[in-house]
């Protein structure tokens, strides 16, 4: 998340510096400054809504043609294209942006210089390389974390269940062994469900998970990592309620705020003392997994509960 914030801050630094340079050399042209202002005001919308990105890019293309000094703003715009769009769409757009910078500089240059071509192309290639390398590292880290999570859950549920079945069968307790086997089958099905990709929207997935789901604010696109993390958190919290809370009602609230999205899971169960939860406790593992997932996204988790008073799990994840 720090890289996203750095890119957003860098965009406004570059935009301001480009405008100052233009005014210093060419004076206060109202058309150029108006386009620069529109670009600055429209940039946050392009970060939040993919549909606004083409409009912002179009404004920038006109601006950079009139004032090539604004070409440096292409770097964070490259990043936005790569982050929001699929590579087969983002890379051609990045090529068009790079070509626009090159042509605008050549148009105003007194003589042709290869640095006018190699500079923008090199910056574009470097930006794409950094982005894809970072995406690869995040993917590898996510795969490792997911393997560790599954290994822990399998050990603490299925493996222990099989051990119990073996012990019960050796004692001739066939009915109890069958009951444990049914529970293990349910656990196995839950693993398969949790590993499946989100079908439809995040809101649809939450409705399939829980009967009482409320959505506050106007939904806007979230990154795949954020959607998956929020769904896994909801699944983990609801599983904790089913296994430990003895609740008659559980409700999920998903709120889209200006710069963050929040997820609240509230139940009216028996509650517990969060400070007394240990790693050996099933709920302790669930909360640890929730905190780990959200921490990776730069978010926060709070748990409010007390014996006999139910539990509220609140998750906040910043959005670019």
Protein backbone atom coordinates (compact mmCIF):
# COMPACT_ATOMS: atom_id res chain seq x y z
CA UNK A 1 0.00 0.00 0.00
CA UNK A 2 2.93 2.38 0.63
CA UNK A 3 3.85 2.20 -3.06
CA UNK A 4 0.32 3.24 -4.03
CA UNK A 5 0.45 6.24 -1.70
CA UNK A 6 3.90 7.19 -2.97
CA UNK A 7 2.68 7.09 -6.57
CA UNK A 8 -0.37 9.22 -5.77
CA UNK A 9 1.76 11.78 -3.92
CA UNK A 10 4.31 11.69 -6.72
CA UNK A 11 1.62 12.47 -9.28
CA UNK A 12 0.70 15.73 -7.57
CA UNK A 13 4.34 16.66 -7.02
CA UNK A 14 5.05 16.14 -10.73
CA UNK A 15 1.87 17.94 -11.76
CA UNK A 16 2.71 20.96 -9.59
CA UNK A 17 6.33 21.05 -10.76
CA UNK A 18 5.28 20.78 -14.41
CA UNK A 19 2.76 23.61 -14.02
CA UNK A 20 5.32 25.81 -12.27
CA UNK A 21 7.89 25.16 -15.01
CA UNK A 22 5.36 25.96 -17.73
CA UNK A 23 4.35 29.25 -16.10
CA UNK A 24 8.00 30.21 -15.59
CA UNK A 25 8.86 29.70 -19.28
CA UNK A 26 5.59 30.46 -21.08
CA UNK A 27 3.42 32.47 -18.74
CA UNK A 28 -0.02 31.71 -17.34
CA UNK A 29 -1.87 30.12 -20.27
CA UNK A 30 -5.46 29.64 -19.10
CA UNK A 31 -6.08 26.62 -21.34
CA UNK A 32 -3.01 24.75 -20.13
CA UNK A 33 -3.57 25.63 -16.49
CA UNK A 34 -7.25 24.73 -16.78
CA UNK A 35 -6.38 21.32 -18.20
CA UNK A 36 -3.80 20.84 -15.43
CA UNK A 37 -6.43 21.69 -12.82
CA UNK A 38 -8.92 19.28 -14.42
CA UNK A 39 -6.26 16.57 -14.44
CA UNK A 40 -5.51 17.11 -10.76
CA UNK A 41 -9.18 17.07 -9.79
CA UNK A 42 -9.97 14.04 -11.94
CA UNK A 43 -7.05 11.88 -10.86
CA UNK A 44 -8.68 10.64 -7.59
CA UNK A 45 -11.72 9.50 -9.60
CA UNK A 46 -9.48 7.48 -11.93
CA UNK A 47 -7.94 5.79 -8.88
CA UNK A 48 -11.33 4.78 -7.51
CA UNK A 49 -13.32 4.07 -10.69
CA UNK A 50 -11.78 2.37 -13.70
CA UNK A 51 -14.38 3.99 -15.97
CA UNK A 52 -12.95 7.43 -15.13
CA UNK A 53 -9.42 6.45 -16.16
CA UNK A 54 -9.93 6.96 -19.95
CA UNK A 55 -11.23 10.49 -19.33
CA UNK A 56 -8.20 11.39 -17.21
CA UNK A 57 -5.86 9.89 -19.81
CA UNK A 58 -7.56 11.89 -22.58
CA UNK A 59 -7.13 15.13 -20.62
CA UNK A 60 -3.47 14.31 -20.05
CA UNK A 61 -2.89 13.55 -23.75
CA UNK A 62 -4.21 16.98 -24.76
CA UNK A 63 -2.22 18.63 -21.99
CA UNK A 64 1.07 16.95 -22.85
CA UNK A 65 0.64 17.86 -26.52
CA UNK A 66 0.25 21.53 -25.57
CA UNK A 67 2.90 21.44 -22.83
CA UNK A 68 5.39 18.54 -23.05
CA UNK A 69 6.70 19.33 -19.56
CA UNK A 70 3.62 17.54 -18.20
CA UNK A 71 4.95 14.34 -19.72
CA UNK A 72 6.52 13.37 -16.40
CA UNK A 73 3.01 12.80 -15.03
CA UNK A 74 2.93 9.74 -17.27
CA UNK A 75 4.83 7.69 -14.68
CA UNK A 76 2.01 7.46 -12.07
CA UNK A 77 -0.51 7.18 -14.92
CA UNK A 78 1.44 4.16 -16.23
CA UNK A 79 1.18 2.68 -12.76
CA UNK A 80 -2.58 3.27 -12.61
CA UNK A 81 -3.11 1.57 -15.98
CA UNK A 82 -1.05 -1.44 -14.95
CA UNK A 83 -2.80 -1.69 -11.58
CA UNK A 84 -6.39 -1.34 -12.79
CA UNK A 85 -6.34 -2.96 -16.23
CA UNK A 86 -5.32 -6.33 -17.57
CA UNK A 87 -1.83 -6.42 -19.10
CA UNK A 88 -3.18 -6.97 -22.63
CA UNK A 89 -5.08 -3.68 -22.28
CA UNK A 90 -2.70 -1.73 -20.04
CA UNK A 91 0.47 -2.29 -22.06
CA UNK A 92 -0.91 -0.91 -25.37
CA UNK A 93 -2.26 2.11 -23.50
CA UNK A 94 1.14 2.63 -21.86
CA UNK A 95 2.71 2.46 -25.34
CA UNK A 96 0.31 5.18 -26.57
CA UNK A 97 1.15 7.40 -23.59
CA UNK A 98 4.86 6.91 -24.21
CA UNK A 99 4.47 7.74 -27.89
CA UNK A 100 2.55 10.90 -26.97
CA UNK A 101 5.41 12.09 -24.77
CA UNK A 102 7.98 11.33 -27.46
CA UNK A 103 6.03 13.09 -30.23
CA UNK A 104 5.28 16.13 -28.08
CA UNK A 105 8.96 16.56 -27.23
CA UNK A 106 10.11 16.04 -30.82
CA UNK A 107 7.52 18.56 -32.04
CA UNK A 108 9.01 21.34 -29.93
CA UNK A 109 12.67 20.35 -30.20
CA UNK A 110 14.89 22.43 -32.47
CA UNK A 111 16.81 19.34 -33.61
CA UNK A 112 16.14 15.63 -33.29
CA UNK A 113 17.90 13.88 -30.42
CA UNK A 114 17.61 10.17 -29.66
CA UNK A 115 17.37 10.97 -25.96
CA UNK A 116 13.90 12.36 -26.69
CA UNK A 117 12.89 8.81 -27.62
CA UNK A 118 15.05 6.67 -25.37
CA UNK A 119 14.26 8.63 -22.19
CA UNK A 120 10.45 8.17 -22.18
CA UNK A 121 10.70 4.61 -23.50
CA UNK A 122 13.23 3.69 -20.81
CA UNK A 123 11.06 5.15 -18.05
CA UNK A 124 8.00 3.28 -19.34
CA UNK A 125 9.86 -0.03 -19.54
CA UNK A 126 11.35 0.45 -16.07
CA UNK A 127 7.93 1.29 -14.57
CA UNK A 128 6.35 -1.81 -16.11
CA UNK A 129 9.26 -4.00 -14.99
CA UNK A 130 9.03 -2.75 -11.39
CA UNK A 131 5.26 -3.24 -11.33
CA UNK A 132 5.30 -6.79 -12.68
CA UNK A 133 8.22 -7.82 -10.48
CA UNK A 134 6.42 -6.51 -7.41
CA UNK A 135 3.24 -8.33 -8.47
CA UNK A 136 5.24 -11.55 -8.83
CA UNK A 137 6.76 -11.18 -5.36
CA UNK A 138 3.36 -10.47 -3.81
CA UNK A 139 1.92 -13.53 -5.55
CA UNK A 140 4.73 -15.76 -4.29
CA UNK A 141 4.36 -14.41 -0.76
CA UNK A 142 0.61 -14.97 -0.91
CA UNK A 143 1.05 -18.56 -2.10
CA UNK A 144 3.45 -19.29 0.78
CA UNK A 145 1.13 -17.70 3.35
CA UNK A 146 -1.85 -19.64 1.98
CA UNK A 147 0.08 -22.91 2.16
CA UNK A 148 0.96 -22.21 5.79
CA UNK A 149 -2.65 -21.34 6.60
CA UNK A 150 -4.02 -24.50 5.00
CA UNK A 151 -1.37 -26.66 6.66
CA UNK A 152 -2.33 -25.22 10.05
CA UNK A 153 -6.06 -25.66 9.48
CA UNK A 154 -5.71 -29.20 8.11
CA UNK A 155 -3.53 -30.19 11.05
CA UNK A 156 -5.92 -28.74 13.61
CA UNK A 157 -9.13 -30.09 12.08
CA UNK A 158 -8.92 -32.93 9.57
CA UNK A 159 -5.75 -34.55 10.93
CA UNK A 160 -7.04 -34.46 14.49
CA UNK A 161 -10.40 -35.75 13.29
CA UNK A 162 -8.81 -38.73 11.56
CA UNK A 163 -6.85 -39.50 14.72
CA UNK A 164 -10.10 -39.42 16.70
CA UNK A 165 -11.80 -41.73 14.19
CA UNK A 166 -8.93 -44.21 14.43
CA UNK A 167 -9.08 -44.16 18.24
CA UNK A 168 -12.88 -44.53 18.35
CA UNK A 169 -12.86 -47.43 15.90
CA UNK A 170 -10.18 -49.21 17.92
CA UNK A 171 -12.49 -48.90 20.94
CA UNK A 172 -15.52 -50.12 19.00
CA UNK A 173 -17.30 -46.75 19.16
CA UNK A 174 -18.63 -46.90 15.60
CA UNK A 175 -21.47 -44.40 16.07
CA UNK A 176 -19.16 -41.73 17.47
CA UNK A 177 -16.60 -42.48 14.76
CA UNK A 178 -19.28 -41.96 12.10
CA UNK A 179 -20.24 -38.64 13.68
CA UNK A 180 -16.61 -37.44 13.63
CA UNK A 181 -16.31 -38.59 10.00
CA UNK A 182 -19.35 -36.49 9.06
CA UNK A 183 -17.81 -33.48 10.78
CA UNK A 184 -14.55 -34.03 8.90
CA UNK A 185 -16.45 -34.21 5.62
CA UNK A 186 -18.01 -30.85 6.43
CA UNK A 187 -14.56 -29.41 7.13
CA UNK A 188 -13.24 -30.74 3.81
CA UNK A 189 -16.14 -29.15 1.95
CA UNK A 190 -15.46 -25.85 3.71
CA UNK A 191 -11.84 -25.95 2.56
CA UNK A 192 -12.93 -26.47 -1.05
CA UNK A 193 -15.45 -23.63 -0.79
CA UNK A 194 -12.91 -21.24 0.72
CA UNK A 195 -10.36 -21.98 -2.01
CA UNK A 196 -12.82 -21.28 -4.82
CA UNK A 197 -12.63 -17.86 -6.51
CA UNK A 198 -15.33 -15.28 -5.84
CA UNK A 199 -18.40 -15.98 -7.97
CA UNK A 200 -20.00 -12.69 -8.99
CA UNK A 201 -19.42 -9.65 -6.80
CA UNK A 202 -18.17 -9.47 -3.24
CA UNK A 203 -21.66 -8.47 -2.11
CA UNK A 204 -23.13 -11.55 -3.82
CA UNK A 205 -20.59 -13.79 -2.09
CA UNK A 206 -21.44 -12.26 1.29
CA UNK A 207 -25.16 -12.84 0.71
CA UNK A 208 -24.44 -16.50 0.00
CA UNK A 209 -22.46 -16.68 3.22
CA UNK A 210 -24.87 -14.92 5.58
CA UNK A 211 -28.60 -14.21 5.60
CA UNK A 212 -28.28 -10.71 7.09
CA UNK A 213 -26.00 -8.54 4.91
CA UNK A 214 -26.13 -4.74 4.70
CA UNK A 215 -24.17 -2.53 2.29
CA UNK A 216 -23.52 1.13 3.12
CA UNK A 217 -22.31 3.64 0.56
CA UNK A 218 -21.96 3.29 -3.19
CA UNK A 219 -19.92 0.19 -4.09
CA UNK A 220 -16.81 0.87 -6.16
CA UNK A 221 -14.24 -1.54 -7.63
CA UNK A 222 -11.76 -3.04 -5.19
CA UNK A 223 -8.56 -4.85 -5.97
CA UNK A 224 -8.77 -8.62 -6.23
CA UNK A 225 -6.54 -8.94 -3.15
CA UNK A 226 -8.87 -6.74 -1.10
CA UNK A 227 -12.04 -8.55 -2.20
CA UNK A 228 -10.58 -11.99 -1.50
CA UNK A 229 -9.24 -10.88 1.89
CA UNK A 230 -12.60 -9.41 2.94
CA UNK A 231 -14.45 -12.54 1.85
CA UNK A 232 -12.00 -14.81 3.70
CA UNK A 233 -12.34 -12.63 6.80
CA UNK A 234 -16.12 -12.90 6.62
CA UNK A 235 -15.91 -16.67 6.12
CA UNK A 236 -13.53 -17.03 9.06
CA UNK A 237 -15.64 -14.84 11.34
CA UNK A 238 -18.88 -16.65 10.44
CA UNK A 239 -17.15 -20.01 10.94
CA UNK A 240 -16.04 -18.86 14.39
CA UNK A 241 -19.62 -17.89 15.21
CA UNK A 242 -20.93 -21.28 14.06
CA UNK A 243 -18.32 -23.25 15.98
CA UNK A 244 -18.02 -21.29 19.21
CA UNK A 245 -20.62 -18.55 19.72
CA UNK A 246 -23.96 -20.45 19.91
CA UNK A 247 -25.51 -17.34 18.35
CA UNK A 248 -29.09 -16.97 17.12
CA UNK A 249 -28.19 -14.16 14.69
CA UNK A 250 -25.11 -12.97 12.83
CA UNK A 251 -25.03 -9.91 10.58
CA UNK A 252 -22.46 -8.58 8.12
CA UNK A 253 -22.12 -4.91 7.17
CA UNK A 254 -19.93 -3.84 4.24
CA UNK A 255 -19.29 -0.08 4.08
CA UNK A 256 -17.70 1.79 1.18
CA UNK A 257 -16.10 4.96 2.55
CA UNK A 258 -14.14 7.63 0.75
CA UNK A 259 -10.69 6.20 1.33
CA UNK A 260 -11.41 2.83 2.92
CA UNK A 261 -13.77 -0.12 3.00
CA UNK A 262 -14.95 -1.64 6.26
CA UNK A 263 -16.41 -5.03 7.11
CA UNK A 264 -18.27 -5.68 10.36
CA UNK A 265 -19.40 -9.11 11.54
CA UNK A 266 -21.63 -8.98 14.63
CA UNK A 267 -23.27 -11.86 16.49
CA UNK A 268 -25.42 -12.19 19.61
CA UNK A 269 -23.66 -15.30 20.89
CA UNK A 270 -22.05 -16.14 24.19
CA UNK A 271 -19.09 -13.84 23.62
CA UNK A 272 -15.62 -14.26 25.06
CA UNK A 273 -12.73 -12.34 26.54
CA UNK A 274 -10.45 -11.34 23.60
CA UNK A 275 -7.47 -10.83 25.90
CA UNK A 276 -7.75 -14.40 27.15
CA UNK A 277 -7.80 -16.09 23.73
CA UNK A 278 -4.88 -18.46 23.29
CA UNK A 279 -3.39 -20.05 20.19
CA UNK A 280 -4.81 -23.41 21.24
CA UNK A 281 -8.31 -22.03 21.02
CA UNK A 282 -10.04 -22.45 17.66
CA UNK A 283 -11.25 -18.87 17.78
CA UNK A 284 -7.72 -17.71 18.52
CA UNK A 285 -6.49 -19.24 15.26
CA UNK A 286 -9.37 -17.60 13.38
CA UNK A 287 -8.62 -14.15 14.77
CA UNK A 288 -4.90 -14.57 14.13
CA UNK A 289 -5.62 -15.46 10.50
CA UNK A 290 -7.92 -12.44 10.13
CA UNK A 291 -5.32 -10.08 11.56
CA UNK A 292 -2.62 -11.54 9.34
CA UNK A 293 -4.66 -11.13 6.16
CA UNK A 294 -5.68 -7.56 6.89
CA UNK A 295 -2.21 -6.49 8.05
CA UNK A 296 -0.85 -7.45 4.62
CA UNK A 297 -3.20 -4.86 3.09
CA UNK A 298 -2.27 -2.15 5.57
CA UNK A 299 -5.61 -2.43 7.36
CA UNK A 300 -6.71 -2.79 10.95
CA UNK A 301 -8.82 -5.27 12.92
CA UNK A 302 -10.69 -4.65 16.15
CA UNK A 303 -12.58 -7.22 18.22
CA UNK A 304 -15.16 -6.21 20.81
CA UNK A 305 -16.61 -8.96 22.96
CA UNK A 306 -17.37 -9.98 26.50
CA UNK A 307 -18.81 -13.16 28.02
CA UNK A 308 -22.56 -13.20 27.43
CA UNK A 309 -22.60 -10.05 25.26
CA UNK A 310 -21.87 -11.29 21.75
CA UNK A 311 -18.97 -10.36 19.52
CA UNK A 312 -18.23 -7.68 16.93
CA UNK A 313 -15.31 -8.02 14.52
CA UNK A 314 -14.54 -4.81 12.61
CA UNK A 315 -12.08 -4.70 9.71
CA UNK A 316 -10.89 -1.58 7.88
CA UNK A 317 -8.85 -1.72 4.67
CA UNK A 318 -7.59 1.47 3.00
CA UNK A 319 -8.38 1.87 -0.69
CA UNK A 320 -6.12 3.78 -3.10
